[in-house]
C-alpha atoms as a PDB file:
ATOM      1  CA  GLY A   1      -0.577   8.354  15.092  1.00  0.00           C
ATOM      2  CA  GLU A   2       3.040   7.747  14.225  1.00  0.00           C
ATOM      3  CA  TYR A   3       4.062  10.113  11.254  1.00  0.00           C
ATOM      4  CA  GLY A   4       0.536  11.347  10.498  1.00  0.00           C
ATOM      5  CA  LEU A   5      -0.695   7.916   9.395  1.00  0.00           C
ATOM      6  CA  ASN A   6      -3.614   6.750  11.964  1.00  0.00           C
ATOM      7  CA  ASP A   7      -5.651   3.462  11.938  1.00  0.00           C
ATOM      8  CA  ILE A   8      -2.906   0.612  10.537  1.00  0.00           C
ATOM      9  CA  CYS A   9      -0.871  -0.998  12.450  1.00  0.00           C
ATOM     10  CA  ILE A  10       2.899  -0.385  10.428  1.00  0.00           C
ATOM     11  CA  GLY A  11       6.444  -0.822  12.009  1.00  0.00           C
ATOM     12  CA  VAL A  12       8.447   2.274  13.177  1.00  0.00           C
ATOM     13  CA  PRO A  13      11.956   2.228  15.243  1.00  0.00           C
ATOM     14  CA  VAL A  14      11.836   1.684  18.714  1.00  0.00           C
ATOM     15  CA  VAL A  15      14.464   1.608  21.282  1.00  0.00           C
ATOM     16  CA  LEU A  16      13.733  -1.364  23.420  1.00  0.00           C
ATOM     17  CA  GLY A  17      14.564  -2.534  27.269  1.00  0.00           C
ATOM     18  CA  ARG A  18      14.182  -5.088  29.271  1.00  0.00           C
ATOM     19  CA  ASN A  19      10.837  -4.303  30.283  1.00  0.00           C
ATOM     20  CA  GLY A  20       9.686  -3.624  26.161  1.00  0.00           C
ATOM     21  CA  ILE A  21       9.746  -0.437  24.775  1.00  0.00           C
ATOM     22  CA  GLU A  22      10.913   2.129  26.000  1.00  0.00           C
ATOM     23  CA  LYS A  23      10.670   5.489  23.125  1.00  0.00           C
ATOM     24  CA  ILE A  24       9.630   5.375  19.939  1.00  0.00           C
ATOM     25  CA  VAL A  25      12.824   6.866  18.027  1.00  0.00           C
ATOM     26  CA  ASP A  26      11.265   9.638  15.891  1.00  0.00           C
ATOM     27  CA  ILE A  27      13.526   9.950  12.558  1.00  0.00           C
ATOM     28  CA  PRO A  28      12.620  13.077   9.900  1.00  0.00           C
ATOM     29  CA  LEU A  29      11.352  12.721   6.787  1.00  0.00           C
ATOM     30  CA  SER A  30      11.436  14.228   3.680  1.00  0.00           C
ATOM     31  CA  ASP A  31       8.865  14.993   1.912  1.00  0.00           C
ATOM     32  CA  ALA A  32       9.385  12.358  -0.326  1.00  0.00           C
ATOM     33  CA  GLU A  33       9.820  10.062   2.302  1.00  0.00           C
ATOM     34  CA  LYS A  34       6.727  11.223   3.723  1.00  0.00           C
ATOM     35  CA  GLU A  35       4.664  10.856   0.915  1.00  0.00           C
ATOM     36  CA  HIS A  36       6.364   7.267   0.081  1.00  0.00           C
ATOM     37  CA  MET A  37       5.536   6.449   3.497  1.00  0.00           C
ATOM     38  CA  LYS A  38       1.897   7.356   2.812  1.00  0.00           C
ATOM     39  CA  ALA A  39       1.597   5.492  -0.461  1.00  0.00           C
ATOM     40  CA  SER A  40       2.754   2.776   1.220  1.00  0.00           C
ATOM     41  CA  ALA A  41       0.620   2.504   4.087  1.00  0.00           C
ATOM     42  CA  GLU A  42      -2.796   2.717   2.279  1.00  0.00           C
ATOM     43  CA  GLY A  43      -1.710  -0.584  -0.308  1.00  0.00           C
ATOM     44  CA  VAL A  44      -1.598  -1.845   2.994  1.00  0.00           C
ATOM     45  CA  ARG A  45      -4.983  -0.539   3.653  1.00  0.00           C
ATOM     46  CA  LYS A  46      -6.358  -2.154   0.096  1.00  0.00           C
ATOM     47  CA  THR A  47      -4.301  -5.102   0.835  1.00  0.00           C
ATOM     48  CA  ASN A  48      -6.388  -5.632   4.102  1.00  0.00           C
ATOM     49  CA  GLY A  49      -9.773  -4.592   2.321  1.00  0.00           C
ATOM     50  CA  LEU A  50      -8.674  -8.007   0.155  1.00  0.00           C
ATOM     51  CA  LEU A  51      -8.704  -9.864   2.877  1.00  0.00           C
ATOM     52  CA  ASN A  52     -13.032 -10.054   3.748  1.00  0.00           C
ATOM     53  CA  VAL A  53     -11.551 -10.794   7.536  1.00  0.00           C
ATOM     54  CA  GLU A  54     -13.820  -9.307   9.670  1.00  0.00           C
ATOM     55  CA  ALA A  55     -12.203  -6.532  12.417  1.00  0.00           C
END
């Protein structure tokens, strides 16, 4: 997945065209920013787990 994240839906910057997404913009992240992104994704996973929604 983008930024090394899998099995989660988060927003990433993209270039939009007439027919939708043309490309994903790859923004270089520092090691600290990558760790913050992973922590944020884990928080989303934990919150999703509290919702008791079946996939």
